[in-house]
Amino acid sequence: MARKTKAEAAATREALLDAAEDMFMEHGVARTSLEQIARHAGMTRGAVYWHFKNKGDMFRAMLERVHMPFQDLVDEIEALEHDVSSLEAIRLACLQGLERFEQNPRSRRVHAILIHRCEFFSDIDPIAMQQEIVDECRESLYQHLLISKEQHMLVQGLSPEVATDLLQATLAGLFHDWIRDPSRFSIYERGVPLVNQLISMMRRSPDTSETN
């Protein structure tokens, strides 16, 4: 019985988060009330408060249901680095991340909400949340590109700092352009040649002197 109750509670929580996604996407986060979310889910407002302290708590729970694309990138680089060079791990992780993100409708919706449908409200600062994700990704990319520098993989004259900025600017620009209207193009198909070309430009030619 206890298991069934726990499963039912989990199902209710998921249904409320599904309803929140729909309402946030349609009306924007600040203009959506908990009552609207409850009605959309076919539940009472009491059910909402049983699972969430307030709208900010619900919003964070919605974000936690999906992996942020840059957070996935960090994990993938570290996993791949055991088998290939650091620079190649970055390239492969970027391509895998773009493909997986395009194939995940929920992730697309949640990120569209965070970037385009979330205003400042209560204790939620969408700009700060986005910046935190970007900063975490940038630091990880920098550390792995620093390793690439130590492995003499980067082209002569290219610093890990500049390489990081180039890569992150490319990924962020591609991501923000696509998330506005995913039907316009495939982020994976457009991203593959961009990532490959950028990494190719960063990679030191094998016959170049080791002094880099």
N, C-alpha and C. Protein backbone atom coordinates (compact mmCIF):
# COMPACT_ATOMS: atom_id res chain seq x y z
N MET A 1 0.83 -1.20 0.00
CA MET A 1 0.00 0.00 0.00
C MET A 1 0.87 1.26 0.00
N ALA A 2 1.95 1.21 0.81
CA ALA A 2 2.83 2.37 0.90
C ALA A 2 3.45 2.68 -0.45
N ARG A 3 3.85 1.62 -1.16
CA ARG A 3 4.45 1.82 -2.47
C ARG A 3 3.46 2.47 -3.43
N LYS A 4 2.21 2.00 -3.39
CA LYS A 4 1.19 2.53 -4.28
C LYS A 4 0.95 4.00 -3.98
N THR A 5 0.88 4.35 -2.71
CA THR A 5 0.67 5.74 -2.31
C THR A 5 1.82 6.62 -2.80
N LYS A 6 3.04 6.12 -2.65
CA LYS A 6 4.21 6.88 -3.10
C LYS A 6 4.19 7.04 -4.62
N ALA A 7 3.79 6.00 -5.32
CA ALA A 7 3.73 6.05 -6.78
C ALA A 7 2.65 7.04 -7.23
N GLU A 8 1.52 7.02 -6.54
CA GLU A 8 0.44 7.93 -6.90
C GLU A 8 0.85 9.39 -6.65
N ALA A 9 1.54 9.61 -5.53
CA ALA A 9 2.02 10.96 -5.22
C ALA A 9 3.00 11.44 -6.27
N ALA A 10 3.88 10.54 -6.70
CA ALA A 10 4.86 10.90 -7.74
C ALA A 10 4.15 11.22 -9.06
N ALA A 11 3.11 10.44 -9.38
CA ALA A 11 2.36 10.67 -10.62
C ALA A 11 1.64 12.02 -10.57
N THR A 12 1.10 12.35 -9.40
CA THR A 12 0.42 13.65 -9.23
C THR A 12 1.41 14.79 -9.41
N ARG A 13 2.57 14.64 -8.81
CA ARG A 13 3.60 15.68 -8.93
C ARG A 13 4.00 15.89 -10.39
N GLU A 14 4.19 14.78 -11.12
CA GLU A 14 4.57 14.89 -12.53
C GLU A 14 3.47 15.54 -13.35
N ALA A 15 2.21 15.20 -13.05
CA ALA A 15 1.08 15.78 -13.78
C ALA A 15 1.01 17.29 -13.54
N LEU A 16 1.29 17.72 -12.33
CA LEU A 16 1.30 19.14 -12.02
C LEU A 16 2.43 19.86 -12.76
N LEU A 17 3.58 19.23 -12.85
CA LEU A 17 4.70 19.84 -13.58
C LEU A 17 4.41 19.89 -15.08
N ASP A 18 3.73 18.87 -15.59
CA ASP A 18 3.32 18.89 -17.00
C ASP A 18 2.38 20.08 -17.25
N ALA A 19 1.44 20.26 -16.33
CA ALA A 19 0.49 21.37 -16.46
C ALA A 19 1.21 22.71 -16.36
N ALA A 20 2.19 22.79 -15.47
CA ALA A 20 2.96 24.02 -15.31
C ALA A 20 3.70 24.36 -16.60
N GLU A 21 4.30 23.36 -17.23
CA GLU A 21 4.98 23.58 -18.50
C GLU A 21 4.03 24.18 -19.53
N ASP A 22 2.83 23.59 -19.63
CA ASP A 22 1.85 24.08 -20.61
C ASP A 22 1.47 25.53 -20.33
N MET A 23 1.17 25.82 -19.08
CA MET A 23 0.72 27.17 -18.71
C MET A 23 1.84 28.19 -18.82
N PHE A 24 3.04 27.81 -18.39
CA PHE A 24 4.17 28.73 -18.49
C PHE A 24 4.47 29.06 -19.95
N MET A 25 4.38 28.06 -20.81
CA MET A 25 4.67 28.27 -22.22
C MET A 25 3.60 29.15 -22.87
N GLU A 26 2.36 28.96 -22.46
CA GLU A 26 1.26 29.72 -23.06
C GLU A 26 1.17 31.15 -22.55
N HIS A 27 1.32 31.34 -21.24
CA HIS A 27 1.07 32.64 -20.64
C HIS A 27 2.32 33.35 -20.13
N GLY A 28 3.42 32.64 -20.01
CA GLY A 28 4.59 33.20 -19.33
C GLY A 28 4.54 32.83 -17.87
N VAL A 29 5.70 32.76 -17.23
CA VAL A 29 5.77 32.29 -15.85
C VAL A 29 5.10 33.27 -14.89
N ALA A 30 5.44 34.54 -14.99
CA ALA A 30 4.91 35.53 -14.04
C ALA A 30 3.40 35.68 -14.14
N ARG A 31 2.84 35.48 -15.34
CA ARG A 31 1.41 35.68 -15.53
C ARG A 31 0.59 34.40 -15.33
N THR A 32 1.23 33.36 -14.91
CA THR A 32 0.53 32.10 -14.63
C THR A 32 0.36 31.94 -13.13
N SER A 33 -0.84 31.64 -12.70
CA SER A 33 -1.10 31.43 -11.27
C SER A 33 -1.11 29.94 -10.95
N LEU A 34 -0.90 29.63 -9.68
CA LEU A 34 -0.96 28.24 -9.25
C LEU A 34 -2.37 27.68 -9.43
N GLU A 35 -3.37 28.53 -9.29
CA GLU A 35 -4.75 28.10 -9.52
C GLU A 35 -4.95 27.65 -10.96
N GLN A 36 -4.39 28.41 -11.92
CA GLN A 36 -4.49 28.03 -13.33
C GLN A 36 -3.82 26.68 -13.58
N ILE A 37 -2.66 26.49 -12.96
CA ILE A 37 -1.94 25.23 -13.13
C ILE A 37 -2.76 24.08 -12.57
N ALA A 38 -3.33 24.28 -11.38
CA ALA A 38 -4.14 23.23 -10.75
C ALA A 38 -5.34 22.88 -11.63
N ARG A 39 -6.03 23.90 -12.15
CA ARG A 39 -7.20 23.65 -13.00
C ARG A 39 -6.80 22.91 -14.27
N HIS A 40 -5.69 23.32 -14.85
CA HIS A 40 -5.24 22.67 -16.09
C HIS A 40 -4.91 21.20 -15.85
N ALA A 41 -4.43 20.90 -14.64
CA ALA A 41 -4.10 19.51 -14.29
C ALA A 41 -5.32 18.74 -13.80
N GLY A 42 -6.46 19.44 -13.64
CA GLY A 42 -7.67 18.79 -13.13
C GLY A 42 -7.59 18.50 -11.65
N MET A 43 -6.87 19.35 -10.92
CA MET A 43 -6.67 19.16 -9.48
C MET A 43 -7.01 20.44 -8.73
N THR A 44 -6.92 20.36 -7.42
CA THR A 44 -7.17 21.53 -6.58
C THR A 44 -5.86 22.25 -6.29
N ARG A 45 -5.97 23.50 -5.84
CA ARG A 45 -4.77 24.23 -5.49
C ARG A 45 -4.07 23.60 -4.28
N GLY A 46 -4.87 22.93 -3.43
CA GLY A 46 -4.29 22.22 -2.30
C GLY A 46 -3.31 21.16 -2.73
N ALA A 47 -3.60 20.50 -3.86
CA ALA A 47 -2.69 19.47 -4.38
C ALA A 47 -1.36 20.10 -4.77
N VAL A 48 -1.42 21.32 -5.31
CA VAL A 48 -0.19 22.01 -5.68
C VAL A 48 0.66 22.28 -4.45
N TYR A 49 0.02 22.81 -3.40
CA TYR A 49 0.76 23.16 -2.18
C TYR A 49 1.24 21.93 -1.41
N TRP A 50 0.63 20.80 -1.67
CA TRP A 50 1.11 19.57 -1.04
C TRP A 50 2.50 19.19 -1.57
N HIS A 51 2.73 19.51 -2.84
CA HIS A 51 3.99 19.10 -3.49
C HIS A 51 4.99 20.24 -3.63
N PHE A 52 4.52 21.49 -3.64
CA PHE A 52 5.42 22.62 -3.90
C PHE A 52 5.12 23.76 -2.93
N LYS A 53 6.18 24.42 -2.49
CA LYS A 53 6.01 25.53 -1.55
C LYS A 53 5.33 26.72 -2.21
N ASN A 54 5.72 27.01 -3.43
CA ASN A 54 5.20 28.17 -4.16
C ASN A 54 5.53 28.00 -5.64
N LYS A 55 5.25 29.02 -6.42
CA LYS A 55 5.49 28.92 -7.87
C LYS A 55 6.98 28.83 -8.18
N GLY A 56 7.80 29.53 -7.40
CA GLY A 56 9.24 29.44 -7.62
C GLY A 56 9.76 28.03 -7.42
N ASP A 57 9.26 27.36 -6.40
CA ASP A 57 9.65 25.98 -6.12
C ASP A 57 9.23 25.07 -7.27
N MET A 58 8.02 25.31 -7.79
CA MET A 58 7.53 24.51 -8.92
C MET A 58 8.38 24.77 -10.17
N PHE A 59 8.74 26.02 -10.39
CA PHE A 59 9.55 26.38 -11.55
C PHE A 59 10.90 25.67 -11.51
N ARG A 60 11.54 25.67 -10.35
CA ARG A 60 12.83 24.99 -10.21
C ARG A 60 12.69 23.49 -10.43
N ALA A 61 11.60 22.92 -9.92
CA ALA A 61 11.37 21.48 -10.12
C ALA A 61 11.20 21.16 -11.60
N MET A 62 10.54 22.06 -12.33
CA MET A 62 10.37 21.87 -13.77
C MET A 62 11.73 21.86 -14.47
N LEU A 63 12.62 22.78 -14.07
CA LEU A 63 13.95 22.82 -14.67
C LEU A 63 14.74 21.55 -14.35
N GLU A 64 14.59 21.05 -13.13
CA GLU A 64 15.36 19.89 -12.70
C GLU A 64 14.96 18.61 -13.44
N ARG A 65 13.77 18.62 -14.06
CA ARG A 65 13.34 17.42 -14.79
C ARG A 65 14.12 17.22 -16.09
N VAL A 66 14.78 18.26 -16.55
CA VAL A 66 15.55 18.15 -17.79
C VAL A 66 17.00 18.50 -17.51
N HIS A 67 17.88 18.01 -18.36
CA HIS A 67 19.29 18.37 -18.25
C HIS A 67 19.53 19.62 -19.08
N MET A 68 20.21 20.57 -18.49
CA MET A 68 20.60 21.74 -19.24
C MET A 68 21.63 21.31 -20.30
N PRO A 69 21.53 21.83 -21.53
CA PRO A 69 22.44 21.37 -22.59
C PRO A 69 23.91 21.55 -22.24
N PHE A 70 24.25 22.67 -21.59
CA PHE A 70 25.65 22.89 -21.25
C PHE A 70 26.09 21.99 -20.10
N GLN A 71 25.16 21.62 -19.21
CA GLN A 71 25.51 20.69 -18.14
C GLN A 71 25.79 19.29 -18.70
N ASP A 72 24.98 18.89 -19.67
CA ASP A 72 25.22 17.62 -20.35
C ASP A 72 26.59 17.62 -21.02
N LEU A 73 26.93 18.75 -21.62
CA LEU A 73 28.21 18.87 -22.33
C LEU A 73 29.37 18.62 -21.38
N VAL A 74 29.29 19.19 -20.19
CA VAL A 74 30.35 19.01 -19.19
C VAL A 74 30.53 17.53 -18.87
N ASP A 75 29.42 16.83 -18.61
CA ASP A 75 29.49 15.41 -18.26
C ASP A 75 30.05 14.57 -19.41
N GLU A 76 29.62 14.89 -20.63
CA GLU A 76 30.04 14.11 -21.79
C GLU A 76 31.53 14.25 -22.07
N ILE A 77 32.05 15.45 -21.93
CA ILE A 77 33.48 15.66 -22.17
C ILE A 77 34.29 14.79 -21.22
N GLU A 78 33.92 14.79 -19.96
CA GLU A 78 34.67 14.03 -18.96
C GLU A 78 34.59 12.53 -19.22
N ALA A 79 33.45 12.06 -19.72
CA ALA A 79 33.30 10.63 -20.01
C ALA A 79 34.13 10.24 -21.23
N LEU A 80 34.16 11.09 -22.25
CA LEU A 80 34.86 10.77 -23.49
C LEU A 80 36.37 10.91 -23.37
N GLU A 81 36.81 11.75 -22.43
CA GLU A 81 38.23 12.06 -22.32
C GLU A 81 39.07 10.85 -21.94
N HIS A 82 38.43 9.81 -21.45
CA HIS A 82 39.18 8.59 -21.10
C HIS A 82 39.69 7.87 -22.35
N ASP A 83 39.02 8.10 -23.49
CA ASP A 83 39.33 7.33 -24.70
C ASP A 83 40.00 8.15 -25.81
N VAL A 84 39.81 9.46 -25.80
CA VAL A 84 40.37 10.29 -26.87
C VAL A 84 41.03 11.52 -26.25
N SER A 85 41.67 12.32 -27.09
CA SER A 85 42.31 13.54 -26.60
C SER A 85 41.25 14.50 -26.08
N SER A 86 41.67 15.46 -25.28
CA SER A 86 40.74 16.42 -24.70
C SER A 86 40.01 17.21 -25.79
N LEU A 87 40.72 17.62 -26.82
CA LEU A 87 40.10 18.40 -27.89
C LEU A 87 39.09 17.58 -28.67
N GLU A 88 39.41 16.33 -28.92
CA GLU A 88 38.48 15.45 -29.62
C GLU A 88 37.28 15.14 -28.75
N ALA A 89 37.49 15.02 -27.44
CA ALA A 89 36.37 14.78 -26.52
C ALA A 89 35.40 15.96 -26.56
N ILE A 90 35.93 17.18 -26.63
CA ILE A 90 35.07 18.36 -26.72
C ILE A 90 34.25 18.32 -28.00
N ARG A 91 34.90 18.00 -29.12
CA ARG A 91 34.19 17.94 -30.41
C ARG A 91 33.06 16.91 -30.36
N LEU A 92 33.38 15.70 -29.93
CA LEU A 92 32.37 14.64 -29.89
C LEU A 92 31.24 14.96 -28.92
N ALA A 93 31.57 15.55 -27.78
CA ALA A 93 30.55 15.89 -26.79
C ALA A 93 29.60 16.96 -27.34
N CYS A 94 30.14 17.92 -28.06
CA CYS A 94 29.30 18.96 -28.66
C CYS A 94 28.31 18.35 -29.64
N LEU A 95 28.80 17.46 -30.49
CA LEU A 95 27.93 16.84 -31.50
C LEU A 95 26.87 15.96 -30.85
N GLN A 96 27.26 15.17 -29.87
CA GLN A 96 26.29 14.31 -29.17
C GLN A 96 25.25 15.15 -28.44
N GLY A 97 25.71 16.24 -27.83
CA GLY A 97 24.80 17.11 -27.10
C GLY A 97 23.77 17.76 -28.01
N LEU A 98 24.21 18.23 -29.18
CA LEU A 98 23.29 18.85 -30.13
C LEU A 98 22.25 17.85 -30.61
N GLU A 99 22.69 16.64 -30.91
CA GLU A 99 21.77 15.62 -31.41
C GLU A 99 20.73 15.25 -30.35
N ARG A 100 21.19 15.04 -29.12
CA ARG A 100 20.27 14.64 -28.06
C ARG A 100 19.29 15.76 -27.72
N PHE A 101 19.78 16.98 -27.70
CA PHE A 101 18.90 18.10 -27.37
C PHE A 101 17.80 18.25 -28.41
N GLU A 102 18.13 18.09 -29.67
CA GLU A 102 17.13 18.23 -30.73
C GLU A 102 16.06 17.14 -30.63
N GLN A 103 16.42 15.99 -30.12
CA GLN A 103 15.49 14.87 -30.05
C GLN A 103 14.66 14.85 -28.76
N ASN A 104 14.82 15.85 -27.91
CA ASN A 104 14.12 15.88 -26.63
C ASN A 104 13.14 17.05 -26.57
N PRO A 105 11.85 16.82 -26.91
CA PRO A 105 10.87 17.91 -26.94
C PRO A 105 10.71 18.61 -25.60
N ARG A 106 10.73 17.86 -24.51
CA ARG A 106 10.57 18.49 -23.20
C ARG A 106 11.71 19.45 -22.91
N SER A 107 12.92 19.04 -23.21
CA SER A 107 14.07 19.90 -22.97
C SER A 107 13.94 21.20 -23.77
N ARG A 108 13.48 21.09 -25.02
CA ARG A 108 13.29 22.28 -25.85
C ARG A 108 12.27 23.22 -25.22
N ARG A 109 11.16 22.67 -24.77
CA ARG A 109 10.10 23.49 -24.18
C ARG A 109 10.57 24.21 -22.92
N VAL A 110 11.23 23.47 -22.05
CA VAL A 110 11.66 24.04 -20.78
C VAL A 110 12.68 25.15 -21.01
N HIS A 111 13.58 24.94 -21.95
CA HIS A 111 14.57 25.97 -22.22
C HIS A 111 13.95 27.18 -22.89
N ALA A 112 12.95 26.96 -23.73
CA ALA A 112 12.23 28.08 -24.33
C ALA A 112 11.52 28.89 -23.25
N ILE A 113 10.97 28.20 -22.26
CA ILE A 113 10.31 28.89 -21.14
C ILE A 113 11.32 29.72 -20.36
N LEU A 114 12.46 29.12 -20.03
CA LEU A 114 13.47 29.82 -19.25
C LEU A 114 13.99 31.06 -19.97
N ILE A 115 14.19 30.95 -21.28
CA ILE A 115 14.81 32.04 -22.03
C ILE A 115 13.80 33.09 -22.51
N HIS A 116 12.61 32.63 -22.93
CA HIS A 116 11.68 33.56 -23.57
C HIS A 116 10.38 33.80 -22.82
N ARG A 117 10.04 32.93 -21.86
CA ARG A 117 8.72 33.06 -21.22
C ARG A 117 8.82 33.28 -19.71
N CYS A 118 10.00 33.55 -19.22
CA CYS A 118 10.19 33.72 -17.78
C CYS A 118 10.66 35.14 -17.47
N GLU A 119 9.84 35.88 -16.73
CA GLU A 119 10.20 37.22 -16.29
C GLU A 119 10.72 37.13 -14.85
N PHE A 120 11.26 38.23 -14.35
CA PHE A 120 11.66 38.28 -12.95
C PHE A 120 10.40 38.18 -12.08
N PHE A 121 10.41 37.31 -11.09
CA PHE A 121 9.29 37.25 -10.16
C PHE A 121 9.77 36.58 -8.88
N SER A 122 9.18 37.00 -7.76
CA SER A 122 9.50 36.41 -6.46
C SER A 122 11.02 36.33 -6.31
N ASP A 123 11.52 35.12 -6.04
CA ASP A 123 12.98 34.95 -5.88
C ASP A 123 13.60 34.33 -7.12
N ILE A 124 12.90 34.37 -8.24
CA ILE A 124 13.41 33.79 -9.49
C ILE A 124 14.01 34.89 -10.36
N ASP A 125 15.28 34.74 -10.69
CA ASP A 125 15.97 35.65 -11.59
C ASP A 125 16.44 34.83 -12.79
N PRO A 126 15.67 34.83 -13.89
CA PRO A 126 16.02 33.98 -15.03
C PRO A 126 17.38 34.30 -15.64
N ILE A 127 17.75 35.59 -15.62
CA ILE A 127 19.06 35.96 -16.18
C ILE A 127 20.18 35.34 -15.36
N ALA A 128 20.04 35.43 -14.03
CA ALA A 128 21.06 34.87 -13.15
C ALA A 128 21.13 33.35 -13.31
N MET A 129 19.97 32.70 -13.49
CA MET A 129 19.95 31.25 -13.67
C MET A 129 20.64 30.86 -14.96
N GLN A 130 20.37 31.59 -16.02
CA GLN A 130 21.03 31.31 -17.30
C GLN A 130 22.53 31.55 -17.18
N GLN A 131 22.91 32.63 -16.50
CA GLN A 131 24.33 32.95 -16.38
C GLN A 131 25.07 31.89 -15.58
N GLU A 132 24.41 31.35 -14.57
CA GLU A 132 25.04 30.30 -13.76
C GLU A 132 25.35 29.08 -14.61
N ILE A 133 24.41 28.73 -15.49
CA ILE A 133 24.62 27.59 -16.38
C ILE A 133 25.77 27.87 -17.35
N VAL A 134 25.77 29.07 -17.92
CA VAL A 134 26.82 29.45 -18.88
C VAL A 134 28.19 29.47 -18.21
N ASP A 135 28.26 30.03 -17.00
CA ASP A 135 29.54 30.12 -16.29
C ASP A 135 30.09 28.73 -15.97
N GLU A 136 29.20 27.82 -15.59
CA GLU A 136 29.65 26.46 -15.29
C GLU A 136 30.21 25.80 -16.54
N CYS A 137 29.52 25.99 -17.66
CA CYS A 137 29.99 25.41 -18.91
C CYS A 137 31.32 26.02 -19.33
N ARG A 138 31.42 27.36 -19.22
CA ARG A 138 32.64 28.03 -19.64
C ARG A 138 33.85 27.56 -18.85
N GLU A 139 33.67 27.42 -17.54
CA GLU A 139 34.78 26.98 -16.70
C GLU A 139 35.23 25.57 -17.07
N SER A 140 34.24 24.70 -17.35
CA SER A 140 34.59 23.33 -17.73
C SER A 140 35.32 23.31 -19.08
N LEU A 141 34.78 24.05 -20.07
CA LEU A 141 35.44 24.10 -21.38
C LEU A 141 36.86 24.63 -21.24
N TYR A 142 37.01 25.66 -20.43
CA TYR A 142 38.34 26.24 -20.25
C TYR A 142 39.32 25.21 -19.68
N GLN A 143 38.89 24.47 -18.67
CA GLN A 143 39.77 23.48 -18.05
C GLN A 143 40.18 22.40 -19.05
N HIS A 144 39.25 21.98 -19.88
CA HIS A 144 39.58 20.93 -20.86
C HIS A 144 40.42 21.48 -22.01
N LEU A 145 40.20 22.72 -22.38
CA LEU A 145 41.05 23.33 -23.40
C LEU A 145 42.43 23.64 -22.86
N LEU A 146 42.53 23.87 -21.57
CA LEU A 146 43.83 24.04 -20.93
C LEU A 146 44.62 22.73 -21.03
N ILE A 147 43.92 21.62 -20.83
CA ILE A 147 44.55 20.31 -20.99
C ILE A 147 45.01 20.13 -22.44
N SER A 148 44.15 20.56 -23.39
CA SER A 148 44.52 20.47 -24.81
C SER A 148 45.79 21.27 -25.09
N LYS A 149 45.91 22.41 -24.45
CA LYS A 149 47.12 23.23 -24.61
C LYS A 149 48.34 22.48 -24.07
N GLU A 150 48.17 21.86 -22.91
CA GLU A 150 49.29 21.11 -22.31
C GLU A 150 49.65 19.89 -23.14
N GLN A 151 48.67 19.36 -23.88
CA GLN A 151 48.92 18.21 -24.75
C GLN A 151 49.45 18.64 -26.11
N HIS A 152 49.71 19.96 -26.28
CA HIS A 152 50.18 20.53 -27.54
C HIS A 152 49.20 20.27 -28.67
N MET A 153 47.89 20.32 -28.35
CA MET A 153 46.87 20.09 -29.36
C MET A 153 46.37 21.38 -30.00
N LEU A 154 46.48 22.51 -29.30
CA LEU A 154 45.98 23.77 -29.84
C LEU A 154 46.97 24.39 -30.81
N VAL A 155 46.43 25.03 -31.85
CA VAL A 155 47.27 25.69 -32.84
C VAL A 155 48.10 26.77 -32.16
N GLN A 156 49.28 26.98 -32.67
CA GLN A 156 50.19 27.96 -32.08
C GLN A 156 49.55 29.35 -32.06
N GLY A 157 49.66 30.02 -30.92
CA GLY A 157 49.12 31.37 -30.78
C GLY A 157 47.69 31.43 -30.26
N LEU A 158 47.02 30.28 -30.16
CA LEU A 158 45.64 30.25 -29.65
C LEU A 158 45.66 29.89 -28.17
N SER A 159 45.22 30.80 -27.34
CA SER A 159 45.20 30.54 -25.90
C SER A 159 43.93 29.78 -25.52
N PRO A 160 43.96 29.03 -24.41
CA PRO A 160 42.75 28.34 -23.93
C PRO A 160 41.61 29.32 -23.67
N GLU A 161 41.93 30.54 -23.21
CA GLU A 161 40.89 31.54 -22.93
C GLU A 161 40.14 31.92 -24.21
N VAL A 162 40.89 32.22 -25.26
CA VAL A 162 40.27 32.63 -26.53
C VAL A 162 39.53 31.44 -27.15
N ALA A 163 40.12 30.25 -27.08
CA ALA A 163 39.47 29.06 -27.63
C ALA A 163 38.14 28.80 -26.92
N THR A 164 38.11 29.01 -25.62
CA THR A 164 36.88 28.84 -24.85
C THR A 164 35.82 29.83 -25.30
N ASP A 165 36.20 31.09 -25.44
CA ASP A 165 35.24 32.11 -25.87
C ASP A 165 34.70 31.82 -27.26
N LEU A 166 35.56 31.37 -28.17
CA LEU A 166 35.13 31.05 -29.52
C LEU A 166 34.11 29.91 -29.53
N LEU A 167 34.40 28.88 -28.79
CA LEU A 167 33.53 27.71 -28.77
C LEU A 167 32.20 28.03 -28.09
N GLN A 168 32.27 28.70 -26.95
CA GLN A 168 31.04 29.00 -26.24
C GLN A 168 30.15 29.98 -27.01
N ALA A 169 30.76 30.97 -27.63
CA ALA A 169 29.98 31.93 -28.43
C ALA A 169 29.28 31.22 -29.58
N THR A 170 29.97 30.28 -30.21
CA THR A 170 29.37 29.52 -31.31
C THR A 170 28.19 28.69 -30.82
N LEU A 171 28.38 27.96 -29.74
CA LEU A 171 27.31 27.10 -29.21
C LEU A 171 26.13 27.92 -28.71
N ALA A 172 26.42 29.00 -27.98
CA ALA A 172 25.34 29.82 -27.43
C ALA A 172 24.55 30.50 -28.55
N GLY A 173 25.24 31.01 -29.55
CA GLY A 173 24.55 31.65 -30.67
C GLY A 173 23.67 30.67 -31.41
N LEU A 174 24.18 29.49 -31.66
CA LEU A 174 23.42 28.45 -32.35
C LEU A 174 22.19 28.06 -31.53
N PHE A 175 22.39 27.86 -30.24
CA PHE A 175 21.32 27.44 -29.35
C PHE A 175 20.21 28.49 -29.27
N HIS A 176 20.57 29.75 -29.05
CA HIS A 176 19.56 30.80 -28.89
C HIS A 176 18.83 31.08 -30.21
N ASP A 177 19.52 30.96 -31.33
CA ASP A 177 18.88 31.16 -32.63
C ASP A 177 17.86 30.06 -32.88
N TRP A 178 18.22 28.84 -32.52
CA TRP A 178 17.34 27.69 -32.78
C TRP A 178 16.15 27.65 -31.83
N ILE A 179 16.38 27.97 -30.55
CA ILE A 179 15.31 27.80 -29.56
C ILE A 179 14.17 28.77 -29.80
N ARG A 180 14.41 29.88 -30.53
CA ARG A 180 13.33 30.82 -30.86
C ARG A 180 12.28 30.15 -31.74
N ASP A 181 12.73 29.29 -32.65
CA ASP A 181 11.80 28.59 -33.54
C ASP A 181 12.48 27.33 -34.07
N PRO A 182 12.38 26.22 -33.32
CA PRO A 182 13.07 24.98 -33.72
C PRO A 182 12.64 24.43 -35.07
N SER A 183 11.51 24.90 -35.60
CA SER A 183 11.04 24.37 -36.89
C SER A 183 11.82 24.96 -38.07
N ARG A 184 12.58 26.02 -37.83
CA ARG A 184 13.28 26.69 -38.93
C ARG A 184 14.46 25.89 -39.47
N PHE A 185 15.15 25.19 -38.59
CA PHE A 185 16.30 24.40 -39.04
C PHE A 185 16.64 23.36 -37.99
N SER A 186 17.45 22.41 -38.38
CA SER A 186 17.94 21.37 -37.46
C SER A 186 19.20 21.88 -36.78
N ILE A 187 19.17 21.98 -35.45
CA ILE A 187 20.35 22.46 -34.74
C ILE A 187 21.51 21.49 -34.90
N TYR A 188 21.21 20.21 -35.05
CA TYR A 188 22.28 19.23 -35.23
C TYR A 188 22.92 19.37 -36.61
N GLU A 189 22.09 19.45 -37.65
CA GLU A 189 22.63 19.55 -39.01
C GLU A 189 23.40 20.84 -39.22
N ARG A 190 22.91 21.93 -38.63
CA ARG A 190 23.65 23.18 -38.76
C ARG A 190 24.87 23.20 -37.86
N GLY A 191 24.77 22.54 -36.73
CA GLY A 191 25.85 22.59 -35.76
C GLY A 191 27.06 21.73 -36.11
N VAL A 192 26.83 20.60 -36.77
CA VAL A 192 27.94 19.68 -37.08
C VAL A 192 29.07 20.37 -37.85
N PRO A 193 28.79 21.00 -39.00
CA PRO A 193 29.91 21.64 -39.72
C PRO A 193 30.53 22.80 -38.94
N LEU A 194 29.72 23.51 -38.16
CA LEU A 194 30.27 24.62 -37.37
C LEU A 194 31.26 24.11 -36.32
N VAL A 195 30.84 23.09 -35.58
CA VAL A 195 31.70 22.54 -34.53
C VAL A 195 32.94 21.91 -35.14
N ASN A 196 32.75 21.10 -36.19
CA ASN A 196 33.89 20.44 -36.81
C ASN A 196 34.91 21.45 -37.35
N GLN A 197 34.41 22.51 -38.02
CA GLN A 197 35.30 23.51 -38.58
C GLN A 197 36.04 24.26 -37.49
N LEU A 198 35.32 24.60 -36.43
CA LEU A 198 35.94 25.35 -35.34
C LEU A 198 37.03 24.54 -34.65
N ILE A 199 36.73 23.28 -34.37
CA ILE A 199 37.74 22.42 -33.72
C ILE A 199 38.92 22.20 -34.65
N SER A 200 38.64 22.06 -35.95
CA SER A 200 39.72 21.87 -36.92
C SER A 200 40.64 23.09 -36.95
N MET A 201 40.06 24.28 -36.85
CA MET A 201 40.86 25.51 -36.83
C MET A 201 41.69 25.64 -35.55
N MET A 202 41.20 25.04 -34.47
CA MET A 202 41.92 25.10 -33.20
C MET A 202 43.03 24.07 -33.11
N ARG A 203 42.89 22.96 -33.85
CA ARG A 203 43.80 21.84 -33.69
C ARG A 203 45.14 22.09 -34.38
N ARG A 204 46.21 21.84 -33.66
CA ARG A 204 47.55 21.99 -34.21
C ARG A 204 47.84 20.89 -35.20
N SER A 205 48.44 21.26 -36.30
CA SER A 205 48.82 20.28 -37.32
C SER A 205 49.90 19.35 -36.74
N PRO A 206 49.86 18.05 -37.04
CA PRO A 206 50.83 17.11 -36.48
C PRO A 206 52.28 17.45 -36.79
N ASP A 207 52.54 18.13 -37.91
CA ASP A 207 53.93 18.42 -38.27
C ASP A 207 54.40 19.77 -37.71
N THR A 208 53.56 20.42 -36.88
CA THR A 208 53.96 21.69 -36.28
C THR A 208 54.87 21.45 -35.11
N SER A 209 55.75 22.39 -34.86
CA SER A 209 56.67 22.25 -33.73
C SER A 209 55.93 22.11 -32.43
N GLU A 210 56.50 21.37 -31.49
CA GLU A 210 55.88 21.14 -30.20
C GLU A 210 55.83 22.43 -29.38
N THR A 211 56.59 23.44 -29.74
CA THR A 211 56.57 24.68 -28.97
C THR A 211 55.30 25.43 -29.28
N ASN A 212 54.32 25.35 -28.39
CA ASN A 212 53.00 25.93 -28.62
C ASN A 212 52.56 26.68 -27.37
